[in-house]
């Protein structure tokens, strides 16, 4: 974790130098949870830019300079840069859309996530990227920018992740730990949160966020809370949540596009 702290500090300096208009930047994946493996893991960085940022040549030139230093940061710490996706770069509007559920497939009135998929899946439609950004926002650690913005995004995304776990927990009382275990169950057919059992500190570090997400869902009548700290899912509440998700997809997701699949791959070298 000491080396992880150093990586976050160095990465934050690179973001501030190359992309000073960043709203907030954070890491996701294995590094924030002490599970990165030298020689195998990469440093997953997510850079959120102001709404209205356009993908012009000037922006790409800055991002390319950042990625050059970002690559050298990998080398210094024995990490392996993901050259296909050298970081994620999006607007704050896109991040909020992702955190509130854009990209979640709804089939027959029920949210359906994919299990383990290969890299080609993420190149099919723009919506698949929003699904990836949802998990990255929920399970993250700040490196630069506005900490309050990231706290709000994490809370929003965590509530969405917790709601996606509820169909598997319906019919019995459950606790925060049960939801954490469900998130970590990468063998489940409705996986896809980007978390793995090898993230040793995940449950410890995310306990509060998970507890807060369940309280938020209870406040929205998606869950019913009990005096002993347990919860039970309200089928009608889940249906309302799914209905709201579908309605929001049709009418409420209007963030301007920043990086398409094609333009993002221009950064890969």
Protein backbone atom coordinates (compact mmCIF):
# COMPACT_ATOMS: atom_id res chain seq x y z
CA UNK A 1 0.00 0.00 0.00
CA UNK A 2 2.94 2.36 0.53
CA UNK A 3 3.91 1.97 -3.12
CA UNK A 4 0.26 2.42 -4.08
CA UNK A 5 0.27 5.73 -2.19
CA UNK A 6 3.36 6.84 -4.12
CA UNK A 7 1.78 5.88 -7.44
CA UNK A 8 -1.35 7.86 -6.62
CA UNK A 9 0.70 10.89 -5.63
CA UNK A 10 2.84 10.77 -8.79
CA UNK A 11 -0.19 10.18 -11.00
CA UNK A 12 -2.00 13.12 -9.44
CA UNK A 13 0.93 15.40 -10.31
CA UNK A 14 0.86 14.21 -13.93
CA UNK A 15 -2.87 14.90 -14.24
CA UNK A 16 -2.51 18.39 -12.78
CA UNK A 17 0.40 19.19 -15.10
CA UNK A 18 -0.98 17.87 -18.37
CA UNK A 19 -4.75 18.19 -17.88
CA UNK A 20 -5.25 21.10 -15.44
CA UNK A 21 -8.94 21.51 -16.35
CA UNK A 22 -9.71 18.05 -14.95
CA UNK A 23 -12.79 18.09 -12.71
CA UNK A 24 -11.65 14.96 -10.87
CA UNK A 25 -9.37 12.02 -11.64
CA UNK A 26 -9.33 8.66 -9.90
CA UNK A 27 -7.95 5.16 -10.13
CA UNK A 28 -10.03 1.99 -10.29
CA UNK A 29 -9.31 -1.70 -10.65
CA UNK A 30 -6.80 -3.56 -8.50
CA UNK A 31 -4.53 -0.70 -7.40
CA UNK A 32 -6.87 1.06 -4.91
CA UNK A 33 -7.44 -2.23 -3.07
CA UNK A 34 -3.85 -3.37 -2.64
CA UNK A 35 -4.22 -6.15 -5.20
CA UNK A 36 -2.02 -4.90 -8.04
CA UNK A 37 0.68 -7.35 -9.10
CA UNK A 38 4.01 -6.04 -10.39
CA UNK A 39 4.69 -7.25 -13.89
CA UNK A 40 1.03 -8.00 -14.59
CA UNK A 41 -1.32 -5.24 -13.40
CA UNK A 42 -1.86 -1.82 -14.91
CA UNK A 43 -2.74 1.52 -13.34
CA UNK A 44 -6.35 2.25 -14.28
CA UNK A 45 -6.86 6.01 -14.42
CA UNK A 46 -10.13 7.82 -15.12
CA UNK A 47 -10.01 11.52 -16.01
CA UNK A 48 -13.28 13.49 -15.88
CA UNK A 49 -13.36 16.70 -17.90
CA UNK A 50 -15.85 19.59 -17.85
CA UNK A 51 -19.16 19.13 -19.64
CA UNK A 52 -18.86 20.57 -23.13
CA UNK A 53 -15.24 19.49 -23.61
CA UNK A 54 -14.77 18.62 -27.25
CA UNK A 55 -12.47 15.91 -28.65
CA UNK A 56 -10.40 18.25 -30.81
CA UNK A 57 -6.76 18.02 -31.82
CA UNK A 58 -5.58 20.23 -28.96
CA UNK A 59 -7.19 17.94 -26.40
CA UNK A 60 -5.72 14.83 -28.00
CA UNK A 61 -2.27 16.38 -28.06
CA UNK A 62 -2.49 17.02 -24.31
CA UNK A 63 -3.78 13.53 -23.63
CA UNK A 64 -1.00 11.97 -25.70
CA UNK A 65 1.62 13.90 -23.70
CA UNK A 66 -0.06 12.74 -20.50
CA UNK A 67 -0.10 9.14 -21.68
CA UNK A 68 3.63 9.28 -22.47
CA UNK A 69 4.37 10.20 -18.83
CA UNK A 70 1.67 7.80 -17.64
CA UNK A 71 3.50 5.02 -19.52
CA UNK A 72 6.79 5.96 -17.86
CA UNK A 73 5.04 5.84 -14.47
CA UNK A 74 4.14 2.22 -15.23
CA UNK A 75 7.76 1.47 -16.10
CA UNK A 76 9.10 3.01 -12.88
CA UNK A 77 6.85 0.82 -10.77
CA UNK A 78 7.07 -2.37 -12.81
CA UNK A 79 3.46 -2.17 -13.99
CA UNK A 80 2.09 -3.08 -17.43
CA UNK A 81 0.38 -0.29 -19.38
CA UNK A 82 -2.86 -1.26 -21.10
CA UNK A 83 -1.97 0.10 -24.53
CA UNK A 84 -5.39 -0.69 -25.94
CA UNK A 85 -7.13 1.49 -23.35
CA UNK A 86 -4.47 3.82 -21.89
CA UNK A 87 -6.80 5.46 -19.38
CA UNK A 88 -10.44 6.56 -19.58
CA UNK A 89 -11.26 10.16 -20.54
CA UNK A 90 -14.84 11.42 -20.32
CA UNK A 91 -16.95 14.38 -19.25
CA UNK A 92 -18.49 14.80 -15.82
CA UNK A 93 -21.90 14.58 -17.51
CA UNK A 94 -21.06 11.20 -18.96
CA UNK A 95 -19.84 10.06 -15.54
CA UNK A 96 -23.13 11.02 -13.89
CA UNK A 97 -25.07 9.22 -16.63
CA UNK A 98 -22.95 6.11 -16.06
CA UNK A 99 -23.34 6.25 -12.27
CA UNK A 100 -27.12 6.48 -12.54
CA UNK A 101 -27.39 3.44 -14.79
CA UNK A 102 -26.89 4.35 -18.43
CA UNK A 103 -25.51 1.30 -20.21
CA UNK A 104 -27.37 -1.27 -18.11
CA UNK A 105 -29.28 -3.61 -20.45
CA UNK A 106 -32.95 -4.09 -19.50
CA UNK A 107 -34.44 -7.30 -20.89
CA UNK A 108 -38.10 -8.19 -20.27
CA UNK A 109 -38.33 -5.53 -17.60
CA UNK A 110 -35.31 -6.80 -15.69
CA UNK A 111 -31.78 -5.40 -15.61
CA UNK A 112 -29.33 -7.91 -17.04
CA UNK A 113 -25.57 -7.68 -16.80
CA UNK A 114 -23.16 -9.83 -18.72
CA UNK A 115 -20.71 -12.19 -17.09
CA UNK A 116 -17.09 -12.40 -18.10
CA UNK A 117 -16.69 -10.95 -21.61
CA UNK A 118 -13.73 -10.53 -23.94
CA UNK A 119 -12.29 -7.20 -25.04
CA UNK A 120 -14.32 -7.13 -28.24
CA UNK A 121 -17.51 -6.61 -26.22
CA UNK A 122 -16.42 -3.14 -25.16
CA UNK A 123 -16.07 -2.08 -28.81
CA UNK A 124 -19.65 -2.90 -29.80
CA UNK A 125 -21.62 0.20 -28.72
CA UNK A 126 -21.04 3.36 -26.72
CA UNK A 127 -23.44 2.07 -24.04
CA UNK A 128 -21.03 -0.65 -23.01
CA UNK A 129 -18.55 2.03 -21.99
CA UNK A 130 -21.08 3.59 -19.63
CA UNK A 131 -21.41 0.22 -17.92
CA UNK A 132 -17.66 0.06 -17.39
CA UNK A 133 -17.58 3.67 -16.11
CA UNK A 134 -20.28 2.85 -13.54
CA UNK A 135 -18.09 0.24 -11.82
CA UNK A 136 -14.99 2.41 -12.10
CA UNK A 137 -16.77 5.33 -10.41
CA UNK A 138 -18.12 3.19 -7.58
CA UNK A 139 -14.83 1.45 -6.80
CA UNK A 140 -12.29 4.22 -7.00
CA UNK A 141 -9.65 6.32 -5.28
CA UNK A 142 -9.08 10.00 -5.99
CA UNK A 143 -5.76 11.19 -7.43
CA UNK A 144 -6.58 14.80 -8.40
CA UNK A 145 -9.44 17.28 -8.60
CA UNK A 146 -12.58 17.85 -6.56
CA UNK A 147 -13.01 15.23 -3.85
CA UNK A 148 -16.66 16.23 -3.29
CA UNK A 149 -17.46 15.48 -6.93
CA UNK A 150 -15.97 12.01 -6.62
CA UNK A 151 -17.79 11.36 -3.34
CA UNK A 152 -21.08 12.19 -5.04
CA UNK A 153 -20.30 9.99 -8.03
CA UNK A 154 -19.23 7.09 -5.85
CA UNK A 155 -22.41 7.32 -3.81
CA UNK A 156 -24.57 7.49 -6.94
CA UNK A 157 -22.78 4.58 -8.61
CA UNK A 158 -22.74 2.45 -5.46
CA UNK A 159 -26.53 2.81 -5.12
CA UNK A 160 -26.90 1.59 -8.71
CA UNK A 161 -24.57 -1.36 -8.11
CA UNK A 162 -26.43 -2.31 -4.92
CA UNK A 163 -29.79 -2.11 -6.72
CA UNK A 164 -28.48 -4.50 -9.38
CA UNK A 165 -27.73 -7.04 -6.63
CA UNK A 166 -31.26 -6.97 -5.22
CA UNK A 167 -32.99 -9.50 -7.51
CA UNK A 168 -30.62 -12.16 -6.14
CA UNK A 169 -31.41 -11.16 -2.54
CA UNK A 170 -35.19 -10.94 -2.86
CA UNK A 171 -37.20 -13.23 -0.60
CA UNK A 172 -34.96 -13.05 2.48
CA UNK A 173 -33.47 -10.56 4.87
CA UNK A 174 -29.90 -9.57 4.15
CA UNK A 175 -27.13 -7.39 5.55
CA UNK A 176 -24.48 -5.13 4.07
CA UNK A 177 -21.99 -8.00 4.08
CA UNK A 178 -24.30 -10.05 1.85
CA UNK A 179 -24.29 -7.32 -0.79
CA UNK A 180 -20.51 -7.04 -0.60
CA UNK A 181 -20.23 -10.80 -1.10
CA UNK A 182 -22.57 -10.58 -4.10
CA UNK A 183 -20.45 -7.82 -5.68
CA UNK A 184 -17.35 -9.97 -5.22
CA UNK A 185 -18.97 -13.05 -6.76
CA UNK A 186 -17.37 -12.86 -10.20
CA UNK A 187 -18.73 -16.32 -11.09
CA UNK A 188 -22.31 -15.09 -10.99
CA UNK A 189 -23.93 -14.86 -14.45
CA UNK A 190 -24.94 -11.25 -13.69
CA UNK A 191 -21.44 -10.18 -12.80
CA UNK A 192 -19.62 -7.42 -14.55
CA UNK A 193 -18.82 -4.89 -11.85
CA UNK A 194 -15.09 -5.14 -12.48
CA UNK A 195 -14.30 -6.40 -8.96
CA UNK A 196 -12.47 -9.64 -8.23
CA UNK A 197 -12.14 -11.78 -5.08
CA UNK A 198 -8.41 -11.05 -5.15
CA UNK A 199 -9.11 -7.46 -4.10
CA UNK A 200 -8.17 -8.29 -0.54
CA UNK A 201 -9.12 -4.97 1.03
CA UNK A 202 -12.31 -4.43 -0.95
CA UNK A 203 -14.81 -5.41 1.76
CA UNK A 204 -12.92 -3.47 4.40
CA UNK A 205 -12.61 -0.29 2.34
CA UNK A 206 -16.10 -0.36 0.80
CA UNK A 207 -18.16 -1.38 3.84
CA UNK A 208 -19.22 2.20 4.57
CA UNK A 209 -20.08 2.96 0.93
CA UNK A 210 -22.17 -0.19 0.65
CA UNK A 211 -23.99 0.60 3.90
CA UNK A 212 -24.68 4.12 2.66
CA UNK A 213 -25.96 2.81 -0.69
CA UNK A 214 -28.45 0.53 1.05
CA UNK A 215 -29.63 3.42 3.23
CA UNK A 216 -30.10 5.52 0.09
CA UNK A 217 -32.16 2.76 -1.55
CA UNK A 218 -34.26 2.42 1.60
CA UNK A 219 -34.91 6.18 1.55
CA UNK A 220 -36.18 5.74 -2.04
CA UNK A 221 -38.45 2.84 -0.90
CA UNK A 222 -36.56 0.33 -3.03
CA UNK A 223 -35.66 -1.49 0.20
CA UNK A 224 -37.24 -1.90 3.59
CA UNK A 225 -34.91 -1.52 6.56
CA UNK A 226 -35.19 -3.29 9.91
CA UNK A 227 -34.13 -2.25 13.39
CA UNK A 228 -31.35 -4.86 13.49
CA UNK A 229 -29.64 -3.30 10.46
CA UNK A 230 -30.90 -5.85 7.97
CA UNK A 231 -32.91 -5.14 4.84
CA UNK A 232 -35.39 -6.84 2.58
CA UNK A 233 -36.04 -6.00 -1.04
CA UNK A 234 -39.41 -4.54 -1.97
CA UNK A 235 -40.47 -6.12 -5.29
CA UNK A 236 -42.62 -3.10 -6.10
CA UNK A 237 -39.73 -0.83 -5.22
CA UNK A 238 -37.39 -2.75 -7.53
CA UNK A 239 -39.96 -2.50 -10.32
CA UNK A 240 -40.18 1.26 -9.79
CA UNK A 241 -36.39 1.49 -9.93
CA UNK A 242 -36.24 -0.44 -13.20
CA UNK A 243 -39.09 1.63 -14.66
CA UNK A 244 -37.30 4.84 -13.69
CA UNK A 245 -34.11 3.48 -15.28
CA UNK A 246 -35.89 2.77 -18.57
CA UNK A 247 -37.59 6.18 -18.53
CA UNK A 248 -34.32 7.92 -17.78
CA UNK A 249 -32.60 6.10 -20.62
CA UNK A 250 -35.26 7.34 -23.02
CA UNK A 251 -35.52 10.93 -21.81
CA UNK A 252 -32.80 11.82 -19.31
CA UNK A 253 -29.39 10.93 -20.70
CA UNK A 254 -28.18 13.91 -22.67
CA UNK A 255 -24.49 14.27 -21.84
CA UNK A 256 -22.54 15.49 -24.83
CA UNK A 257 -20.24 12.84 -26.33
CA UNK A 258 -16.53 13.11 -25.69
CA UNK A 259 -14.66 9.98 -26.66
CA UNK A 260 -16.18 7.45 -28.99
CA UNK A 261 -14.73 4.00 -29.37
CA UNK A 262 -12.98 5.12 -32.56
CA UNK A 263 -11.51 8.33 -31.15
CA UNK A 264 -10.37 6.68 -27.93
CA UNK A 265 -8.43 4.05 -29.80
CA UNK A 266 -6.49 6.86 -31.48
CA UNK A 267 -4.74 7.23 -28.12
CA UNK A 268 -3.52 3.64 -28.15
CA UNK A 269 0.04 3.32 -29.45
